[in-house]
Amino acid sequence: MLKTLILESDFTRKLATMVRFEDKDMYTIIINDNEAGVWLNIHCIGNEWISIANQFNGKHLRINNPNWKNTLEEIICQHTCLNQAEPL
């Protein structure tokens, strides 16, 4: 689901290292690859901005997907619920 969200979203590169934003919800998403270790490290600021460690020279990307935050929170909830499920 996360891969689909990223691939279906458009982003605008922001040429500043500091950005202003209204939404205070922040997430760090670490995507691991079994062979290569950490593959992608995404810092999300609500429904407004993302930055990806070691990419784009530290610049921020504006999220152009109005459903980004809701979809991301659904993915997080599903993952949390799966990990908290008790074994039968």
PDB file of N, CA and C in Angstrom:
ATOM      1  N   MET A   1       0.814  -1.204   0.000  1.00  0.00           N
ATOM      2  CA  MET A   1       0.000   0.000   0.000  1.00  0.00           C
ATOM      3  C   MET A   1       0.858   1.270   0.000  1.00  0.00           C
ATOM      4  N   LEU A   2       1.949   1.243   0.771  1.00  0.00           N
ATOM      5  CA  LEU A   2       2.814   2.420   0.830  1.00  0.00           C
ATOM      6  C   LEU A   2       3.451   2.691  -0.532  1.00  0.00           C
ATOM      7  N   LYS A   3       3.903   1.643  -1.190  1.00  0.00           N
ATOM      8  CA  LYS A   3       4.497   1.797  -2.522  1.00  0.00           C
ATOM      9  C   LYS A   3       3.487   2.405  -3.484  1.00  0.00           C
ATOM     10  N   THR A   4       2.247   1.930  -3.433  1.00  0.00           N
ATOM     11  CA  THR A   4       1.186   2.462  -4.293  1.00  0.00           C
ATOM     12  C   THR A   4       0.950   3.932  -3.995  1.00  0.00           C
ATOM     13  N   LEU A   5       0.885   4.291  -2.702  1.00  0.00           N
ATOM     14  CA  LEU A   5       0.673   5.689  -2.313  1.00  0.00           C
ATOM     15  C   LEU A   5       1.778   6.577  -2.879  1.00  0.00           C
ATOM     16  N   ILE A   6       3.016   6.147  -2.736  1.00  0.00           N
ATOM     17  CA  ILE A   6       4.141   6.948  -3.230  1.00  0.00           C
ATOM     18  C   ILE A   6       4.102   7.068  -4.749  1.00  0.00           C
ATOM     19  N   LEU A   7       3.868   5.945  -5.433  1.00  0.00           N
ATOM     20  CA  LEU A   7       3.876   5.962  -6.898  1.00  0.00           C
ATOM     21  C   LEU A   7       2.705   6.736  -7.491  1.00  0.00           C
ATOM     22  N   GLU A   8       1.572   6.798  -6.769  1.00  0.00           N
ATOM     23  CA  GLU A   8       0.396   7.499  -7.285  1.00  0.00           C
ATOM     24  C   GLU A   8       0.366   8.967  -6.874  1.00  0.00           C
ATOM     25  N   SER A   9       1.361   9.425  -6.128  1.00  0.00           N
ATOM     26  CA  SER A   9       1.402  10.809  -5.670  1.00  0.00           C
ATOM     27  C   SER A   9       2.334  11.631  -6.544  1.00  0.00           C
ATOM     28  N   ASP A  10       1.991  12.898  -6.690  1.00  0.00           N
ATOM     29  CA  ASP A  10       2.854  13.853  -7.377  1.00  0.00           C
ATOM     30  C   ASP A  10       3.520  14.728  -6.322  1.00  0.00           C
ATOM     31  N   PHE A  11       4.740  15.147  -6.604  1.00  0.00           N
ATOM     32  CA  PHE A  11       5.484  15.981  -5.677  1.00  0.00           C
ATOM     33  C   PHE A  11       6.099  17.151  -6.429  1.00  0.00           C
ATOM     34  N   THR A  12       6.215  18.283  -5.738  1.00  0.00           N
ATOM     35  CA  THR A  12       6.893  19.451  -6.282  1.00  0.00           C
ATOM     36  C   THR A  12       8.129  19.692  -5.432  1.00  0.00           C
ATOM     37  N   ARG A  13       9.277  19.791  -6.058  1.00  0.00           N
ATOM     38  CA  ARG A  13      10.508  20.017  -5.313  1.00  0.00           C
ATOM     39  C   ARG A  13      10.554  21.451  -4.814  1.00  0.00           C
ATOM     40  N   LYS A  14      10.876  21.627  -3.551  1.00  0.00           N
ATOM     41  CA  LYS A  14      11.011  22.944  -2.935  1.00  0.00           C
ATOM     42  C   LYS A  14      12.496  23.231  -2.775  1.00  0.00           C
ATOM     43  N   LEU A  15      12.964  24.339  -3.307  1.00  0.00           N
ATOM     44  CA  LEU A  15      14.391  24.624  -3.318  1.00  0.00           C
ATOM     45  C   LEU A  15      14.894  25.283  -2.041  1.00  0.00           C
ATOM     46  N   ALA A  16      14.231  25.042  -0.930  1.00  0.00           N
ATOM     47  CA  ALA A  16      14.677  25.563   0.355  1.00  0.00           C
ATOM     48  C   ALA A  16      14.887  24.401   1.322  1.00  0.00           C
ATOM     49  N   THR A  17      15.845  24.570   2.228  1.00  0.00           N
ATOM     50  CA  THR A  17      16.074  23.520   3.214  1.00  0.00           C
ATOM     51  C   THR A  17      15.124  23.657   4.398  1.00  0.00           C
ATOM     52  N   MET A  18      14.513  24.807   4.570  1.00  0.00           N
ATOM     53  CA  MET A  18      13.527  25.035   5.635  1.00  0.00           C
ATOM     54  C   MET A  18      12.184  25.357   4.988  1.00  0.00           C
ATOM     55  N   VAL A  19      11.109  24.784   5.539  1.00  0.00           N
ATOM     56  CA  VAL A  19       9.774  25.050   5.007  1.00  0.00           C
ATOM     57  C   VAL A  19       8.828  25.394   6.144  1.00  0.00           C
ATOM     58  N   ARG A  20       7.776  26.127   5.812  1.00  0.00           N
ATOM     59  CA  ARG A  20       6.715  26.437   6.777  1.00  0.00           C
ATOM     60  C   ARG A  20       5.560  25.491   6.498  1.00  0.00           C
ATOM     61  N   PHE A  21       4.878  25.094   7.582  1.00  0.00           N
ATOM     62  CA  PHE A  21       3.756  24.184   7.405  1.00  0.00           C
ATOM     63  C   PHE A  21       2.769  24.357   8.544  1.00  0.00           C
ATOM     64  N   GLU A  22       1.501  24.065   8.266  1.00  0.00           N
ATOM     65  CA  GLU A  22       0.429  24.192   9.249  1.00  0.00           C
ATOM     66  C   GLU A  22       0.202  22.885  10.009  1.00  0.00           C
ATOM     67  N   ASP A  23       0.256  21.777   9.295  1.00  0.00           N
ATOM     68  CA  ASP A  23      -0.039  20.472   9.878  1.00  0.00           C
ATOM     69  C   ASP A  23       1.121  20.044  10.769  1.00  0.00           C
ATOM     70  N   LYS A  24       0.849  19.682  12.002  1.00  0.00           N
ATOM     71  CA  LYS A  24       1.912  19.346  12.950  1.00  0.00           C
ATOM     72  C   LYS A  24       2.178  17.845  13.070  1.00  0.00           C
ATOM     73  N   ASP A  25       1.377  16.994  12.417  1.00  0.00           N
ATOM     74  CA  ASP A  25       1.619  15.552  12.470  1.00  0.00           C
ATOM     75  C   ASP A  25       2.862  15.225  11.658  1.00  0.00           C
ATOM     76  N   MET A  26       3.789  14.495  12.275  1.00  0.00           N
ATOM     77  CA  MET A  26       5.036  14.154  11.595  1.00  0.00           C
ATOM     78  C   MET A  26       5.278  12.655  11.728  1.00  0.00           C
ATOM     79  N   TYR A  27       5.792  12.069  10.666  1.00  0.00           N
ATOM     80  CA  TYR A  27       6.086  10.641  10.636  1.00  0.00           C
ATOM     81  C   TYR A  27       7.451  10.431  10.007  1.00  0.00           C
ATOM     82  N   THR A  28       8.153   9.399  10.445  1.00  0.00           N
ATOM     83  CA  THR A  28       9.354   8.939   9.760  1.00  0.00           C
ATOM     84  C   THR A  28       9.083   7.513   9.332  1.00  0.00           C
ATOM     85  N   ILE A  29       9.211   7.262   8.050  1.00  0.00           N
ATOM     86  CA  ILE A  29       8.964   5.940   7.492  1.00  0.00           C
ATOM     87  C   ILE A  29      10.305   5.381   7.038  1.00  0.00           C
ATOM     88  N   ILE A  30      10.672   4.229   7.575  1.00  0.00           N
ATOM     89  CA  ILE A  30      11.908   3.571   7.174  1.00  0.00           C
ATOM     90  C   ILE A  30      11.535   2.300   6.434  1.00  0.00           C
ATOM     91  N   ILE A  31      11.942   2.226   5.175  1.00  0.00           N
ATOM     92  CA  ILE A  31      11.660   1.052   4.353  1.00  0.00           C
ATOM     93  C   ILE A  31      12.939   0.234   4.281  1.00  0.00           C
ATOM     94  N   ASN A  32      12.875  -0.997   4.778  1.00  0.00           N
ATOM     95  CA  ASN A  32      14.048  -1.864   4.817  1.00  0.00           C
ATOM     96  C   ASN A  32      14.080  -2.815   3.641  1.00  0.00           C
ATOM     97  N   ASP A  33      15.274  -3.119   3.220  1.00  0.00           N
ATOM     98  CA  ASP A  33      15.528  -4.136   2.207  1.00  0.00           C
ATOM     99  C   ASP A  33      16.365  -5.212   2.897  1.00  0.00           C
ATOM    100  N   ASN A  34      15.929  -6.454   2.845  1.00  0.00           N
ATOM    101  CA  ASN A  34      16.632  -7.526   3.548  1.00  0.00           C
ATOM    102  C   ASN A  34      18.097  -7.632   3.156  1.00  0.00           C
ATOM    103  N   GLU A  35      18.417  -7.351   1.916  1.00  0.00           N
ATOM    104  CA  GLU A  35      19.793  -7.502   1.451  1.00  0.00           C
ATOM    105  C   GLU A  35      20.625  -6.235   1.646  1.00  0.00           C
ATOM    106  N   ALA A  36      20.022  -5.079   1.437  1.00  0.00           N
ATOM    107  CA  ALA A  36      20.785  -3.828   1.455  1.00  0.00           C
ATOM    108  C   ALA A  36      20.645  -3.041   2.750  1.00  0.00           C
ATOM    109  N   GLY A  37      19.859  -3.509   3.697  1.00  0.00           N
ATOM    110  CA  GLY A  37      19.628  -2.746   4.920  1.00  0.00           C
ATOM    111  C   GLY A  37      18.573  -1.681   4.671  1.00  0.00           C
ATOM    112  N   VAL A  38      18.775  -0.472   5.220  1.00  0.00           N
ATOM    113  CA  VAL A  38      17.803   0.606   5.025  1.00  0.00           C
ATOM    114  C   VAL A  38      17.871   1.070   3.576  1.00  0.00           C
ATOM    115  N   TRP A  39      16.740   1.003   2.900  1.00  0.00           N
ATOM    116  CA  TRP A  39      16.670   1.375   1.495  1.00  0.00           C
ATOM    117  C   TRP A  39      16.181   2.801   1.325  1.00  0.00           C
ATOM    118  N   LEU A  40      15.180   3.194   2.101  1.00  0.00           N
ATOM    119  CA  LEU A  40      14.587   4.517   1.943  1.00  0.00           C
ATOM    120  C   LEU A  40      14.127   5.018   3.301  1.00  0.00           C
ATOM    121  N   ASN A  41      14.413   6.268   3.608  1.00  0.00           N
ATOM    122  CA  ASN A  41      14.048   6.893   4.864  1.00  0.00           C
ATOM    123  C   ASN A  41      13.272   8.161   4.523  1.00  0.00           C
ATOM    124  N   ILE A  42      11.956   8.154   4.763  1.00  0.00           N
ATOM    125  CA  ILE A  42      11.086   9.263   4.370  1.00  0.00           C
ATOM    126  C   ILE A  42      10.589   9.982   5.623  1.00  0.00           C
ATOM    127  N   HIS A  43      10.777  11.289   5.670  1.00  0.00           N
ATOM    128  CA  HIS A  43      10.238  12.103   6.756  1.00  0.00           C
ATOM    129  C   HIS A  43       9.015  12.832   6.206  1.00  0.00           C
ATOM    130  N   CYS A  44       7.851  12.613   6.823  1.00  0.00           N
ATOM    131  CA  CYS A  44       6.602  13.226   6.361  1.00  0.00           C
ATOM    132  C   CYS A  44       6.150  14.275   7.360  1.00  0.00           C
ATOM    133  N   ILE A  45       5.743  15.415   6.846  1.00  0.00           N
ATOM    134  CA  ILE A  45       5.148  16.459   7.671  1.00  0.00           C
ATOM    135  C   ILE A  45       3.703  16.573   7.230  1.00  0.00           C
ATOM    136  N   GLY A  46       2.831  15.890   7.973  1.00  0.00           N
ATOM    137  CA  GLY A  46       1.398  15.919   7.690  1.00  0.00           C
ATOM    138  C   GLY A  46       1.065  15.635   6.249  1.00  0.00           C
ATOM    139  N   ASN A  47       0.254  16.483   5.699  1.00  0.00           N
ATOM    140  CA  ASN A  47      -0.205  16.325   4.319  1.00  0.00           C
ATOM    141  C   ASN A  47       0.470  17.348   3.411  1.00  0.00           C
ATOM    142  N   GLU A  48       1.606  17.915   3.876  1.00  0.00           N
ATOM    143  CA  GLU A  48       2.197  19.024   3.140  1.00  0.00           C
ATOM    144  C   GLU A  48       3.555  18.728   2.512  1.00  0.00           C
ATOM    145  N   TRP A  49       4.455  18.115   3.254  1.00  0.00           N
ATOM    146  CA  TRP A  49       5.839  17.982   2.797  1.00  0.00           C
ATOM    147  C   TRP A  49       6.395  16.605   3.101  1.00  0.00           C
ATOM    148  N   ILE A  50       7.362  16.168   2.282  1.00  0.00           N
ATOM    149  CA  ILE A  50       8.193  15.026   2.637  1.00  0.00           C
ATOM    150  C   ILE A  50       9.639  15.392   2.327  1.00  0.00           C
ATOM    151  N   SER A  51      10.536  14.781   3.055  1.00  0.00           N
ATOM    152  CA  SER A  51      11.945  14.838   2.687  1.00  0.00           C
ATOM    153  C   SER A  51      12.465  13.412   2.771  1.00  0.00           C
ATOM    154  N   ILE A  52      13.406  13.100   1.905  1.00  0.00           N
ATOM    155  CA  ILE A  52      13.955  11.756   1.846  1.00  0.00           C
ATOM    156  C   ILE A  52      15.444  11.872   2.115  1.00  0.00           C
ATOM    157  N   ALA A  53      15.890  11.209   3.177  1.00  0.00           N
ATOM    158  CA  ALA A  53      17.298  11.296   3.562  1.00  0.00           C
ATOM    159  C   ALA A  53      18.199  10.915   2.395  1.00  0.00           C
ATOM    160  N   ASN A  54      19.271  11.679   2.231  1.00  0.00           N
ATOM    161  CA  ASN A  54      20.288  11.438   1.195  1.00  0.00           C
ATOM    162  C   ASN A  54      19.750  11.570  -0.225  1.00  0.00           C
ATOM    163  N   GLN A  55      18.639  12.246  -0.406  1.00  0.00           N
ATOM    164  CA  GLN A  55      18.077  12.461  -1.741  1.00  0.00           C
ATOM    165  C   GLN A  55      17.789  13.948  -1.922  1.00  0.00           C
ATOM    166  N   PHE A  56      17.826  14.434  -3.123  1.00  0.00           N
ATOM    167  CA  PHE A  56      17.435  15.803  -3.480  1.00  0.00           C
ATOM    168  C   PHE A  56      18.252  16.858  -2.741  1.00  0.00           C
ATOM    169  N   ASN A  57      19.485  16.525  -2.343  1.00  0.00           N
ATOM    170  CA  ASN A  57      20.381  17.465  -1.652  1.00  0.00           C
ATOM    171  C   ASN A  57      19.740  18.095  -0.422  1.00  0.00           C
ATOM    172  N   GLY A  58      18.917  17.340   0.292  1.00  0.00           N
ATOM    173  CA  GLY A  58      18.295  17.828   1.512  1.00  0.00           C
ATOM    174  C   GLY A  58      17.103  18.735   1.297  1.00  0.00           C
ATOM    175  N   LYS A  59      16.677  18.899   0.064  1.00  0.00           N
ATOM    176  CA  LYS A  59      15.528  19.762  -0.227  1.00  0.00           C
ATOM    177  C   LYS A  59      14.231  19.005   0.055  1.00  0.00           C
ATOM    178  N   HIS A  60      13.161  19.750   0.228  1.00  0.00           N
ATOM    179  CA  HIS A  60      11.860  19.172   0.545  1.00  0.00           C
ATOM    180  C   HIS A  60      10.998  19.033  -0.702  1.00  0.00           C
ATOM    181  N   LEU A  61      10.095  18.074  -0.660  1.00  0.00           N
ATOM    182  CA  LEU A  61       9.128  17.882  -1.738  1.00  0.00           C
ATOM    183  C   LEU A  61       7.744  18.211  -1.208  1.00  0.00           C
ATOM    184  N   ARG A  62       7.011  19.047  -1.941  1.00  0.00           N
ATOM    185  CA  ARG A  62       5.631  19.343  -1.566  1.00  0.00           C
ATOM    186  C   ARG A  62       4.760  18.218  -2.087  1.00  0.00           C
ATOM    187  N   ILE A  63       3.876  17.718  -1.232  1.00  0.00           N
ATOM    188  CA  ILE A  63       2.978  16.627  -1.603  1.00  0.00           C
ATOM    189  C   ILE A  63       1.787  17.204  -2.353  1.00  0.00           C
ATOM    190  N   ASN A  64       1.544  16.715  -3.556  1.00  0.00           N
ATOM    191  CA  ASN A  64       0.404  17.163  -4.357  1.00  0.00           C
ATOM    192  C   ASN A  64      -0.638  16.056  -4.439  1.00  0.00           C
ATOM    193  N   ASN A  65      -0.964  15.485  -3.298  1.00  0.00           N
ATOM    194  CA  ASN A  65      -1.962  14.425  -3.211  1.00  0.00           C
ATOM    195  C   ASN A  65      -2.829  14.713  -1.993  1.00  0.00           C
ATOM    196  N   PRO A  66      -4.078  15.173  -2.189  1.00  0.00           N
ATOM    197  CA  PRO A  66      -4.924  15.550  -1.056  1.00  0.00           C
ATOM    198  C   PRO A  66      -5.264  14.382  -0.139  1.00  0.00           C
ATOM    199  N   ASN A  67      -5.084  13.153  -0.603  1.00  0.00           N
ATOM    200  CA  ASN A  67      -5.398  11.982   0.221  1.00  0.00           C
ATOM    201  C   ASN A  67      -4.171  11.398   0.909  1.00  0.00           C
ATOM    202  N   TRP A  68      -3.018  12.044   0.773  1.00  0.00           N
ATOM    203  CA  TRP A  68      -1.767  11.503   1.297  1.00  0.00           C
ATOM    204  C   TRP A  68      -1.863  11.163   2.784  1.00  0.00           C
ATOM    205  N   LYS A  69      -2.218  12.138   3.613  1.00  0.00           N
ATOM    206  CA  LYS A  69      -2.202  11.936   5.064  1.00  0.00           C
ATOM    207  C   LYS A  69      -3.200  10.868   5.490  1.00  0.00           C
ATOM    208  N   ASN A  70      -4.414  10.918   4.966  1.00  0.00           N
ATOM    209  CA  ASN A  70      -5.417   9.917   5.340  1.00  0.00           C
ATOM    210  C   ASN A  70      -4.979   8.516   4.944  1.00  0.00           C
ATOM    211  N   THR A  71      -4.442   8.375   3.732  1.00  0.00           N
ATOM    212  CA  THR A  71      -3.989   7.062   3.274  1.00  0.00           C
ATOM    213  C   THR A  71      -2.808   6.587   4.107  1.00  0.00           C
ATOM    214  N   LEU A  72      -1.870   7.475   4.404  1.00  0.00           N
ATOM    215  CA  LEU A  72      -0.718   7.113   5.223  1.00  0.00           C
ATOM    216  C   LEU A  72      -1.166   6.655   6.609  1.00  0.00           C
ATOM    217  N   GLU A  73      -2.114   7.357   7.213  1.00  0.00           N
ATOM    218  CA  GLU A  73      -2.602   6.973   8.537  1.00  0.00           C
ATOM    219  C   GLU A  73      -3.349   5.643   8.494  1.00  0.00           C
ATOM    220  N   GLU A  74      -4.052   5.349   7.400  1.00  0.00           N
ATOM    221  CA  GLU A  74      -4.694   4.039   7.241  1.00  0.00           C
ATOM    222  C   GLU A  74      -3.641   2.934   7.189  1.00  0.00           C
ATOM    223  N   ILE A  75      -2.568   3.166   6.447  1.00  0.00           N
ATOM    224  CA  ILE A  75      -1.489   2.179   6.342  1.00  0.00           C
ATOM    225  C   ILE A  75      -0.858   1.940   7.714  1.00  0.00           C
ATOM    226  N   ILE A  76      -0.591   3.010   8.447  1.00  0.00           N
ATOM    227  CA  ILE A  76       0.006   2.888   9.779  1.00  0.00           C
ATOM    228  C   ILE A  76      -0.933   2.133  10.708  1.00  0.00           C
ATOM    229  N   CYS A  77      -2.216   2.441  10.661  1.00  0.00           N
ATOM    230  CA  CYS A  77      -3.200   1.772  11.509  1.00  0.00           C
ATOM    231  C   CYS A  77      -3.265   0.281  11.189  1.00  0.00           C
ATOM    232  N   GLN A  78      -3.296  -0.061   9.909  1.00  0.00           N
ATOM    233  CA  GLN A  78      -3.352  -1.473   9.522  1.00  0.00           C
ATOM    234  C   GLN A  78      -2.115  -2.213  10.007  1.00  0.00           C
ATOM    235  N   HIS A  79      -0.958  -1.600   9.879  1.00  0.00           N
ATOM    236  CA  HIS A  79       0.283  -2.228  10.318  1.00  0.00           C
ATOM    237  C   HIS A  79       0.276  -2.405  11.834  1.00  0.00           C
ATOM    238  N   THR A  80      -0.164  -1.374  12.565  1.00  0.00           N
ATOM    239  CA  THR A  80      -0.217  -1.438  14.021  1.00  0.00           C
ATOM    240  C   THR A  80      -1.202  -2.500  14.476  1.00  0.00           C
ATOM    241  N   CYS A  81      -2.373  -2.537  13.842  1.00  0.00           N
ATOM    242  CA  CYS A  81      -3.393  -3.520  14.212  1.00  0.00           C
ATOM    243  C   CYS A  81      -2.898  -4.941  13.960  1.00  0.00           C
ATOM    244  N   LEU A  82      -2.187  -5.170  12.856  1.00  0.00           N
ATOM    245  CA  LEU A  82      -1.656  -6.504  12.556  1.00  0.00           C
ATOM    246  C   LEU A  82      -0.619  -6.925  13.587  1.00  0.00           C
ATOM    247  N   ASN A  83       0.215  -5.997  14.011  1.00  0.00           N
ATOM    248  CA  ASN A  83       1.263  -6.322  14.980  1.00  0.00           C
ATOM    249  C   ASN A  83       0.721  -6.513  16.385  1.00  0.00           C
ATOM    250  N   GLN A  84      -0.458  -5.962  16.677  1.00  0.00           N
ATOM    251  CA  GLN A  84      -1.030  -6.088  18.009  1.00  0.00           C
ATOM    252  C   GLN A  84      -2.016  -7.238  18.117  1.00  0.00           C
ATOM    253  N   ALA A  85      -2.298  -7.906  17.010  1.00  0.00           N
ATOM    254  CA  ALA A  85      -3.253  -9.018  17.035  1.00  0.00           C
ATOM    255  C   ALA A  85      -2.693 -10.147  17.892  1.00  0.00           C
ATOM    256  N   GLU A  86      -3.564 -10.718  18.721  1.00  0.00           N
ATOM    257  CA  GLU A  86      -3.142 -11.817  19.581  1.00  0.00           C
ATOM    258  C   GLU A  86      -3.211 -13.126  18.811  1.00  0.00           C
ATOM    259  N   PRO A  87      -2.237 -14.021  19.039  1.00  0.00           N
ATOM    260  CA  PRO A  87      -2.290 -15.319  18.367  1.00  0.00           C
ATOM    261  C   PRO A  87      -3.466 -16.141  18.865  1.00  0.00           C
ATOM    262  N   LEU A  88      -3.996 -16.970  17.992  1.00  0.00           N
ATOM    263  CA  LEU A  88      -5.130 -17.828  18.365  1.00  0.00           C
ATOM    264  C   LEU A  88      -4.684 -18.987  19.207  1.00  0.00           C
TER     265      LEU A  88
END
